Amino acid sequence: MRSILIITLLSCFCADEAKIFSKCELAHKLKTKRMDGYHGYSLADWVCMAPYESNFNTRAFNGKNANGSSDYGLFHLNSKWWCKNSHHSSANACNIMCSKFLDDNINDDIVCAKRVVRDPKGMSAWMAWVKHCRQGFVQIPGRL
């Protein structure tokens, strides 16, 4: 009986499931972090981009970029420019390890996303935003 209790407790600590946001949940979180209107971008811009980049998944990862870089987390922050990984050099403009973007705490992702939009390209740094969201909020895939 005691071993079952220990195994149950350990499984709670070891559970490594991703947080999948709903559109409304993400909008609420971003609003509390003052993303609505940040550098001229609305909540609609952010909520439109997120499903195309990560399907609202905090642990989304793409390691297949042509230049050898990888994309991490909810906003698919790129290892060539925004964060550091162990695979190649980076500008690391957000001064953070890329692996920090793969947990369920998106506060550091938000800080880095704010850093991205302060650059001259703004949200054009995300091709998903350019392709699907730049012309205004459109019907987006993902969870309700």
C-alpha atoms as a PDB file:
ATOM      1  CA  MET A   1       0.000   0.000   0.000  1.00  0.00           C
ATOM      2  CA  ARG A   2       2.786   2.392   0.906  1.00  0.00           C
ATOM      3  CA  SER A   3       4.592   1.740  -2.385  1.00  0.00           C
ATOM      4  CA  ILE A   4       1.400   2.539  -4.327  1.00  0.00           C
ATOM      5  CA  LEU A   5       1.139   5.869  -2.522  1.00  0.00           C
ATOM      6  CA  ILE A   6       4.791   6.697  -3.278  1.00  0.00           C
ATOM      7  CA  ILE A   7       4.397   5.777  -6.949  1.00  0.00           C
ATOM      8  CA  THR A   8       1.241   7.876  -7.195  1.00  0.00           C
ATOM      9  CA  LEU A   9       2.958  10.891  -5.654  1.00  0.00           C
ATOM     10  CA  LEU A  10       6.004  10.513  -7.905  1.00  0.00           C
ATOM     11  CA  SER A  11       3.820  10.291 -10.992  1.00  0.00           C
ATOM     12  CA  CYS A  12       2.244  13.617 -10.048  1.00  0.00           C
ATOM     13  CA  PHE A  13       5.664  15.242  -9.902  1.00  0.00           C
ATOM     14  CA  CYS A  14       6.884  13.578 -13.083  1.00  0.00           C
ATOM     15  CA  ALA A  15       3.819  14.294 -15.200  1.00  0.00           C
ATOM     16  CA  ASP A  16       5.119  16.188 -18.180  1.00  0.00           C
ATOM     17  CA  GLU A  17       2.016  17.195 -20.049  1.00  0.00           C
ATOM     18  CA  ALA A  18       1.869  20.358 -22.058  1.00  0.00           C
ATOM     19  CA  LYS A  19      -0.484  23.190 -21.249  1.00  0.00           C
ATOM     20  CA  ILE A  20      -2.810  23.718 -24.188  1.00  0.00           C
ATOM     21  CA  PHE A  21      -4.516  27.096 -23.947  1.00  0.00           C
ATOM     22  CA  SER A  22      -7.970  27.854 -25.268  1.00  0.00           C
ATOM     23  CA  LYS A  23      -8.309  31.095 -27.249  1.00  0.00           C
ATOM     24  CA  CYS A  24     -10.138  32.797 -24.398  1.00  0.00           C
ATOM     25  CA  GLU A  25      -7.713  31.530 -21.767  1.00  0.00           C
ATOM     26  CA  LEU A  26      -4.723  32.820 -23.738  1.00  0.00           C
ATOM     27  CA  ALA A  27      -6.422  36.160 -24.406  1.00  0.00           C
ATOM     28  CA  HIS A  28      -7.111  36.571 -20.680  1.00  0.00           C
ATOM     29  CA  LYS A  29      -3.504  35.714 -19.746  1.00  0.00           C
ATOM     30  CA  LEU A  30      -2.083  38.086 -22.355  1.00  0.00           C
ATOM     31  CA  LYS A  31      -4.431  40.860 -21.249  1.00  0.00           C
ATOM     32  CA  THR A  32      -3.243  40.521 -17.642  1.00  0.00           C
ATOM     33  CA  LYS A  33       0.337  40.855 -18.950  1.00  0.00           C
ATOM     34  CA  ARG A  34      -0.549  44.063 -20.830  1.00  0.00           C
ATOM     35  CA  MET A  35      -0.124  42.602 -24.306  1.00  0.00           C
ATOM     36  CA  ASP A  36      -3.268  44.278 -25.678  1.00  0.00           C
ATOM     37  CA  GLY A  37      -1.969  47.299 -27.541  1.00  0.00           C
ATOM     38  CA  TYR A  38       1.696  46.549 -26.774  1.00  0.00           C
ATOM     39  CA  HIS A  39       3.678  48.320 -29.506  1.00  0.00           C
ATOM     40  CA  GLY A  40       0.470  48.666 -31.502  1.00  0.00           C
ATOM     41  CA  TYR A  41      -0.524  44.985 -31.526  1.00  0.00           C
ATOM     42  CA  SER A  42      -3.887  43.834 -30.216  1.00  0.00           C
ATOM     43  CA  LEU A  43      -4.871  40.692 -28.355  1.00  0.00           C
ATOM     44  CA  ALA A  44      -6.406  39.584 -31.653  1.00  0.00           C
ATOM     45  CA  ASP A  45      -2.952  39.662 -33.277  1.00  0.00           C
ATOM     46  CA  TRP A  46      -1.458  37.457 -30.554  1.00  0.00           C
ATOM     47  CA  VAL A  47      -4.369  35.040 -30.353  1.00  0.00           C
ATOM     48  CA  CYS A  48      -4.438  34.785 -34.148  1.00  0.00           C
ATOM     49  CA  MET A  49      -0.722  33.958 -34.350  1.00  0.00           C
ATOM     50  CA  ALA A  50      -0.512  31.410 -31.521  1.00  0.00           C
ATOM     51  CA  PRO A  51      -2.375  28.495 -33.143  1.00  0.00           C
ATOM     52  CA  TYR A  52      -0.340  28.772 -36.332  1.00  0.00           C
ATOM     53  CA  GLU A  53       2.934  28.809 -34.416  1.00  0.00           C
ATOM     54  CA  SER A  54       2.219  26.313 -31.637  1.00  0.00           C
ATOM     55  CA  ASN A  55      -1.422  25.197 -31.713  1.00  0.00           C
ATOM     56  CA  PHE A  56      -1.680  26.938 -28.309  1.00  0.00           C
ATOM     57  CA  ASN A  57       0.798  24.377 -26.909  1.00  0.00           C
ATOM     58  CA  THR A  58       3.316  25.670 -24.348  1.00  0.00           C
ATOM     59  CA  ARG A  59       5.739  22.859 -25.192  1.00  0.00           C
ATOM     60  CA  ALA A  60       5.653  23.172 -28.959  1.00  0.00           C
ATOM     61  CA  PHE A  61       9.046  22.622 -30.580  1.00  0.00           C
ATOM     62  CA  ASN A  62      10.236  22.833 -34.171  1.00  0.00           C
ATOM     63  CA  GLY A  63      13.816  21.764 -34.744  1.00  0.00           C
ATOM     64  CA  LYS A  64      13.628  21.712 -38.530  1.00  0.00           C
ATOM     65  CA  ASN A  65      14.471  25.223 -39.731  1.00  0.00           C
ATOM     66  CA  ALA A  66      16.606  25.416 -42.885  1.00  0.00           C
ATOM     67  CA  ASN A  67      19.260  27.516 -41.122  1.00  0.00           C
ATOM     68  CA  GLY A  68      19.698  24.947 -38.332  1.00  0.00           C
ATOM     69  CA  SER A  69      17.784  26.963 -35.759  1.00  0.00           C
ATOM     70  CA  SER A  70      14.838  25.753 -33.705  1.00  0.00           C
ATOM     71  CA  ASP A  71      11.600  27.328 -32.511  1.00  0.00           C
ATOM     72  CA  TYR A  72      10.417  26.997 -28.917  1.00  0.00           C
ATOM     73  CA  GLY A  73       7.197  27.306 -26.971  1.00  0.00           C
ATOM     74  CA  LEU A  74       3.851  28.996 -27.369  1.00  0.00           C
ATOM     75  CA  PHE A  75       5.219  31.758 -29.630  1.00  0.00           C
ATOM     76  CA  HIS A  76       7.860  29.583 -31.323  1.00  0.00           C
ATOM     77  CA  LEU A  77      10.702  31.860 -30.308  1.00  0.00           C
ATOM     78  CA  ASN A  78      13.705  31.201 -32.514  1.00  0.00           C
ATOM     79  CA  SER A  79      17.075  30.026 -31.231  1.00  0.00           C
ATOM     80  CA  LYS A  80      19.057  32.018 -33.803  1.00  0.00           C
ATOM     81  CA  TRP A  81      17.783  35.369 -32.552  1.00  0.00           C
ATOM     82  CA  TRP A  82      15.921  35.241 -29.258  1.00  0.00           C
ATOM     83  CA  CYS A  83      17.230  32.461 -27.026  1.00  0.00           C
ATOM     84  CA  LYS A  84      20.253  30.246 -26.554  1.00  0.00           C
ATOM     85  CA  ASN A  85      20.388  26.504 -27.031  1.00  0.00           C
ATOM     86  CA  SER A  86      23.321  24.114 -27.006  1.00  0.00           C
ATOM     87  CA  HIS A  87      23.230  23.421 -30.752  1.00  0.00           C
ATOM     88  CA  HIS A  88      24.487  26.616 -32.385  1.00  0.00           C
ATOM     89  CA  SER A  89      25.331  30.259 -31.776  1.00  0.00           C
ATOM     90  CA  SER A  90      22.615  32.800 -31.103  1.00  0.00           C
ATOM     91  CA  ALA A  91      22.107  36.531 -30.745  1.00  0.00           C
ATOM     92  CA  ASN A  92      20.121  35.574 -27.600  1.00  0.00           C
ATOM     93  CA  ALA A  93      18.372  38.952 -27.558  1.00  0.00           C
ATOM     94  CA  CYS A  94      16.041  37.792 -24.762  1.00  0.00           C
ATOM     95  CA  ASN A  95      19.007  36.586 -22.687  1.00  0.00           C
ATOM     96  CA  ILE A  96      17.462  33.213 -21.844  1.00  0.00           C
ATOM     97  CA  MET A  97      17.916  29.512 -22.509  1.00  0.00           C
ATOM     98  CA  CYS A  98      15.441  28.282 -25.125  1.00  0.00           C
ATOM     99  CA  SER A  99      14.391  25.382 -22.902  1.00  0.00           C
ATOM    100  CA  LYS A 100      12.734  27.918 -20.562  1.00  0.00           C
ATOM    101  CA  PHE A 101      10.086  28.419 -23.259  1.00  0.00           C
ATOM    102  CA  LEU A 102       9.030  24.760 -23.075  1.00  0.00           C
ATOM    103  CA  ASP A 103       7.343  24.855 -19.683  1.00  0.00           C
ATOM    104  CA  ASP A 104       3.819  25.817 -18.712  1.00  0.00           C
ATOM    105  CA  ASN A 105       4.848  29.170 -17.245  1.00  0.00           C
ATOM    106  CA  ILE A 106       4.550  31.547 -20.187  1.00  0.00           C
ATOM    107  CA  ASN A 107       5.630  34.681 -18.328  1.00  0.00           C
ATOM    108  CA  ASP A 108       9.161  34.468 -19.769  1.00  0.00           C
ATOM    109  CA  ASP A 109       7.719  33.722 -23.228  1.00  0.00           C
ATOM    110  CA  ILE A 110       5.654  36.910 -22.953  1.00  0.00           C
ATOM    111  CA  VAL A 111       8.670  38.981 -21.872  1.00  0.00           C
ATOM    112  CA  CYS A 112      10.600  37.712 -24.884  1.00  0.00           C
ATOM    113  CA  ALA A 113       7.657  38.226 -27.274  1.00  0.00           C
ATOM    114  CA  LYS A 114       7.530  41.844 -26.102  1.00  0.00           C
ATOM    115  CA  ARG A 115      11.233  42.092 -26.901  1.00  0.00           C
ATOM    116  CA  VAL A 116      10.595  40.697 -30.395  1.00  0.00           C
ATOM    117  CA  VAL A 117       7.929  43.277 -31.258  1.00  0.00           C
ATOM    118  CA  ARG A 118      10.154  46.136 -30.112  1.00  0.00           C
ATOM    119  CA  ASP A 119      12.466  45.327 -33.032  1.00  0.00           C
ATOM    120  CA  PRO A 120      11.802  47.102 -36.336  1.00  0.00           C
ATOM    121  CA  LYS A 121      10.128  44.010 -37.849  1.00  0.00           C
ATOM    122  CA  GLY A 122       7.574  43.879 -35.038  1.00  0.00           C
ATOM    123  CA  MET A 123       5.219  40.938 -35.402  1.00  0.00           C
ATOM    124  CA  SER A 124       6.503  40.413 -38.943  1.00  0.00           C
ATOM    125  CA  ALA A 125       9.231  38.396 -37.221  1.00  0.00           C
ATOM    126  CA  TRP A 126       6.593  35.631 -37.133  1.00  0.00           C
ATOM    127  CA  MET A 127       5.795  34.363 -40.638  1.00  0.00           C
ATOM    128  CA  ALA A 128       2.557  32.850 -39.324  1.00  0.00           C
ATOM    129  CA  TRP A 129       1.390  36.323 -38.316  1.00  0.00           C
ATOM    130  CA  VAL A 130       2.368  37.719 -41.734  1.00  0.00           C
ATOM    131  CA  LYS A 131       0.558  34.947 -43.620  1.00  0.00           C
ATOM    132  CA  HIS A 132      -2.564  34.639 -41.486  1.00  0.00           C
ATOM    133  CA  CYS A 133      -3.056  37.661 -39.255  1.00  0.00           C
ATOM    134  CA  ARG A 134      -1.489  40.856 -40.602  1.00  0.00           C
ATOM    135  CA  GLN A 135      -4.585  41.819 -42.576  1.00  0.00           C
ATOM    136  CA  GLY A 136      -6.750  41.686 -39.464  1.00  0.00           C
ATOM    137  CA  PHE A 137      -8.226  39.087 -37.187  1.00  0.00           C
ATOM    138  CA  VAL A 138      -9.375  36.097 -39.228  1.00  0.00           C
ATOM    139  CA  GLN A 139     -11.015  32.784 -38.488  1.00  0.00           C
ATOM    140  CA  ILE A 140      -8.325  30.752 -36.806  1.00  0.00           C
ATOM    141  CA  PRO A 141      -7.884  27.076 -36.088  1.00  0.00           C
ATOM    142  CA  GLY A 142      -7.616  25.757 -32.582  1.00  0.00           C
ATOM    143  CA  ARG A 143      -9.571  25.140 -29.480  1.00  0.00           C
ATOM    144  CA  LEU A 144     -12.494  27.247 -28.331  1.00  0.00           C
END
